[in-house]
Amino acid sequence: MGDPYVEIDWSRFFGKLRPSQFRDAYPIPEGLAVLIGFGAVVPIGTFDHSDPLNQALSIGTNIWDFAPSIALTYTTPPILLEGTEISAKFFWNNYIENPATHYWTGDVLNVDFAVSEHIGPLQLGVAGNYAVQTDDDTQSGIPIAPDGRRGALPQLGGVAGYDMPEYAASLKLKANTTVFAENTVTSWAVVLGWVQKF
């Protein structure tokens, strides 16, 4: 396939588990959870730079990306319904020069965020991402004209989750679309996730 992303994390929950008002729901983790991680994109996908079209259609990037991260999640006592959850995960993407093209992508700071409400086994909210490039793109050490191709990309959408304690599982659906894009493409994405305890 393409270039895989791998991540190792440490996390800690500072709070308490509070029973839900609904019998078919997991307890609600009220309080603060912290995660510290380090991820990497491993460039093992096929990469062809023989012409711009082949390069654009390559499933690999031929670029290492090292990304330390920190995440914070805080769930309140019941305010609206069973608890409002506020989450953010910050990444600092550090790219290595592509040895085939001598192209070096500038560092990117990005944050994934969500604000959602617990309603028994259901969780509904708003989710998004904001990424901004802090350094110029360069090729053979020369900044790419006219502006270093520094990118910026906010995305916004929704998230829904459904817990199934009877199966020790959870289902999550997240959809985002680009609000505006600078030196990057506009896009939309839908991600369906399944979490299973074994």
Protein backbone atom coordinates (compact mmCIF):
# COMPACT_ATOMS: atom_id res chain seq x y z
CA MET A 1 0.00 0.00 0.00
CA GLY A 2 1.32 3.45 0.84
CA ASP A 3 3.62 4.78 3.54
CA PRO A 4 2.49 3.48 6.97
CA TYR A 5 2.24 5.71 10.02
CA VAL A 6 3.38 4.16 13.32
CA GLU A 7 3.13 5.71 16.77
CA ILE A 8 4.14 4.83 20.31
CA ASP A 9 2.31 6.55 23.19
CA TRP A 10 2.22 6.91 26.94
CA SER A 11 -1.01 8.05 28.57
CA ARG A 12 -2.40 8.73 32.02
CA PHE A 13 -5.91 9.50 33.27
CA PHE A 14 -6.31 11.93 36.16
CA GLY A 15 -9.94 11.65 37.16
CA LYS A 16 -12.69 9.21 38.05
CA LEU A 17 -15.07 6.90 36.26
CA ARG A 18 -18.68 8.00 36.73
CA PRO A 19 -21.55 5.60 35.99
CA SER A 20 -23.78 6.65 33.11
CA GLN A 21 -27.49 7.24 33.62
CA PHE A 22 -28.01 4.60 30.91
CA ARG A 23 -27.49 0.93 31.78
CA ASP A 24 -26.21 0.09 28.27
CA ALA A 25 -23.34 2.61 28.37
CA TYR A 26 -19.75 2.56 29.55
CA PRO A 27 -18.86 4.64 32.62
CA ILE A 28 -17.89 8.22 31.76
CA PRO A 29 -14.22 9.14 32.44
CA GLU A 30 -14.71 12.50 34.16
CA GLY A 31 -11.49 14.51 34.45
CA LEU A 32 -8.26 14.96 32.50
CA ALA A 33 -6.43 12.45 30.32
CA VAL A 34 -2.91 13.18 28.98
CA LEU A 35 -1.05 11.42 26.18
CA ILE A 36 2.54 11.90 24.99
CA GLY A 37 3.63 10.18 21.80
CA PHE A 38 6.11 9.89 18.98
CA GLY A 39 5.08 8.88 15.48
CA ALA A 40 6.72 8.36 12.13
CA VAL A 41 5.71 7.96 8.51
CA VAL A 42 7.90 5.19 7.06
CA PRO A 43 8.56 5.73 3.31
CA ILE A 44 8.16 2.20 1.96
CA GLY A 45 5.44 2.88 -0.65
CA THR A 46 6.31 2.94 -4.34
CA PHE A 47 7.62 6.35 -5.45
CA ASP A 48 8.21 7.39 -9.08
CA HIS A 49 9.59 10.88 -9.77
CA SER A 50 10.21 10.38 -13.50
CA ASP A 51 7.58 13.02 -14.32
CA PRO A 52 5.10 15.16 -12.30
CA LEU A 53 2.08 12.94 -13.08
CA ASN A 54 3.84 9.74 -11.97
CA GLN A 55 5.04 11.50 -8.83
CA ALA A 56 1.51 12.71 -8.03
CA LEU A 57 0.07 9.22 -8.54
CA SER A 58 2.75 7.45 -6.47
CA ILE A 59 1.40 5.78 -3.34
CA GLY A 60 4.63 6.59 -1.50
CA THR A 61 6.32 9.90 -0.73
CA ASN A 62 9.96 8.81 -0.30
CA ILE A 63 10.05 11.12 2.75
CA TRP A 64 10.51 10.26 6.42
CA ASP A 65 8.25 12.24 8.75
CA PHE A 66 8.96 12.26 12.50
CA ALA A 67 6.16 13.65 14.68
CA PRO A 68 6.24 14.12 18.45
CA SER A 69 2.76 14.73 19.86
CA ILE A 70 0.82 15.58 22.99
CA ALA A 71 -2.90 15.13 23.56
CA LEU A 72 -5.26 16.41 26.25
CA THR A 73 -8.85 15.31 26.85
CA TYR A 74 -11.05 16.77 29.55
CA THR A 75 -14.57 15.55 30.34
CA THR A 76 -16.74 17.77 32.53
CA PRO A 77 -19.33 16.81 35.12
CA PRO A 78 -22.86 16.78 33.64
CA ILE A 79 -23.66 20.25 32.24
CA LEU A 80 -25.90 19.73 29.21
CA LEU A 81 -26.43 15.98 29.32
CA GLU A 82 -23.92 13.46 30.73
CA GLY A 83 -20.65 15.29 30.23
CA THR A 84 -18.97 17.54 27.68
CA GLU A 85 -15.67 16.22 26.29
CA ILE A 86 -13.01 18.64 24.99
CA SER A 87 -10.06 17.04 23.18
CA ALA A 88 -6.98 18.27 21.34
CA LYS A 89 -3.92 16.47 19.98
CA PHE A 90 -0.93 18.54 18.85
CA PHE A 91 1.62 17.21 16.32
CA TRP A 92 4.94 18.65 15.15
CA ASN A 93 5.78 17.08 11.78
CA ASN A 94 9.50 17.10 10.91
CA TYR A 95 10.26 15.97 7.37
CA ILE A 96 13.54 14.62 6.00
CA GLU A 97 14.80 15.55 2.52
CA ASN A 98 13.56 13.37 -0.34
CA PRO A 99 16.84 11.84 -1.58
CA ALA A 100 15.49 11.34 -5.12
CA THR A 101 14.35 14.93 -5.69
CA HIS A 102 16.35 16.86 -3.02
CA TYR A 103 13.02 18.44 -1.99
CA TRP A 104 12.67 19.33 1.68
CA THR A 105 9.21 20.05 3.10
CA GLY A 106 9.10 22.62 5.90
CA ASP A 107 7.97 21.64 9.40
CA VAL A 108 4.22 21.54 10.00
CA LEU A 109 2.37 22.16 13.26
CA ASN A 110 -1.12 20.73 13.42
CA VAL A 111 -3.85 20.11 15.94
CA ASP A 112 -6.79 17.72 15.82
CA PHE A 113 -9.64 18.85 18.06
CA ALA A 114 -13.17 17.88 19.08
CA VAL A 115 -15.91 19.06 21.41
CA SER A 116 -18.58 16.46 22.02
CA GLU A 117 -21.35 15.46 24.40
CA HIS A 118 -21.89 12.08 26.06
CA ILE A 119 -25.48 10.78 25.86
CA GLY A 120 -25.43 7.25 27.24
CA PRO A 121 -23.73 5.02 24.64
CA LEU A 122 -23.81 7.86 22.09
CA GLN A 123 -21.28 10.68 21.69
CA LEU A 124 -21.95 13.58 19.27
CA GLY A 125 -19.91 16.67 18.50
CA VAL A 126 -17.88 18.95 16.30
CA ALA A 127 -14.38 17.93 15.17
CA GLY A 128 -11.67 19.48 13.08
CA ASN A 129 -8.02 19.98 12.28
CA TYR A 130 -5.77 22.96 11.70
CA ALA A 131 -2.34 22.63 10.09
CA VAL A 132 0.18 25.40 9.40
CA GLN A 133 3.64 25.14 7.86
CA THR A 134 6.30 27.04 9.80
CA ASP A 135 9.27 26.71 7.41
CA ASP A 136 9.74 27.13 3.65
CA ASP A 137 9.85 24.20 1.28
CA THR A 138 13.29 24.06 -0.33
CA GLN A 139 14.91 22.19 -3.19
CA SER A 140 18.68 21.73 -3.06
CA GLY A 141 18.67 24.31 -0.24
CA ILE A 142 16.85 27.04 -2.22
CA PRO A 143 13.36 28.17 -1.07
CA ILE A 144 10.60 27.39 -3.56
CA ALA A 145 9.38 30.59 -5.27
CA PRO A 146 7.46 32.76 -4.70
CA ASP A 147 6.63 32.16 -1.02
CA GLY A 148 8.31 28.92 0.06
CA ARG A 149 5.01 27.11 -0.50
CA ARG A 150 4.08 27.41 3.16
CA GLY A 151 0.73 25.73 3.58
CA ALA A 152 -2.22 26.35 5.88
CA LEU A 153 -5.32 24.18 6.11
CA PRO A 154 -8.27 24.35 8.51
CA GLN A 155 -10.85 21.55 8.32
CA LEU A 156 -14.14 21.27 10.17
CA GLY A 157 -16.86 18.66 10.48
CA GLY A 158 -18.59 16.34 12.89
CA VAL A 159 -17.96 13.21 14.90
CA ALA A 160 -20.28 10.53 16.25
CA GLY A 161 -19.44 7.56 18.41
CA TYR A 162 -21.47 4.62 19.67
CA ASP A 163 -20.36 2.30 22.48
CA MET A 164 -21.39 -1.35 22.61
CA PRO A 165 -20.31 -2.67 26.04
CA GLU A 166 -22.04 -5.99 25.39
CA TYR A 167 -19.49 -6.61 22.61
CA ALA A 168 -16.58 -4.77 24.31
CA ALA A 169 -16.52 -2.51 21.24
CA SER A 170 -17.05 1.06 20.02
CA LEU A 171 -17.86 2.51 16.61
CA LYS A 172 -16.81 6.02 15.50
CA LEU A 173 -17.64 8.07 12.40
CA LYS A 174 -15.80 11.31 11.63
CA ALA A 175 -16.30 13.60 8.61
CA ASN A 176 -14.31 16.76 7.78
CA THR A 177 -14.12 19.22 4.91
CA THR A 178 -11.64 22.00 4.10
CA VAL A 179 -12.64 25.51 5.16
CA PHE A 180 -9.90 27.11 3.04
CA ALA A 181 -6.49 26.06 1.75
CA GLU A 182 -3.24 27.93 1.20
CA ASN A 183 -0.58 26.20 -0.95
CA THR A 184 -2.36 22.86 -0.54
CA VAL A 185 -5.43 21.10 -1.90
CA THR A 186 -8.98 21.33 -0.62
CA SER A 187 -10.41 17.96 0.37
CA TRP A 188 -13.00 16.13 2.37
CA ALA A 189 -12.69 12.91 4.32
CA VAL A 190 -14.90 10.37 6.05
CA VAL A 191 -13.30 7.98 8.54
CA LEU A 192 -15.06 5.00 10.07
CA GLY A 193 -13.33 3.39 13.04
CA TRP A 194 -13.95 0.24 15.07
CA VAL A 195 -12.38 -0.35 18.50
CA GLN A 196 -12.45 -3.88 19.88
CA LYS A 197 -11.20 -5.13 23.23
CA PHE A 198 -9.79 -8.66 23.20
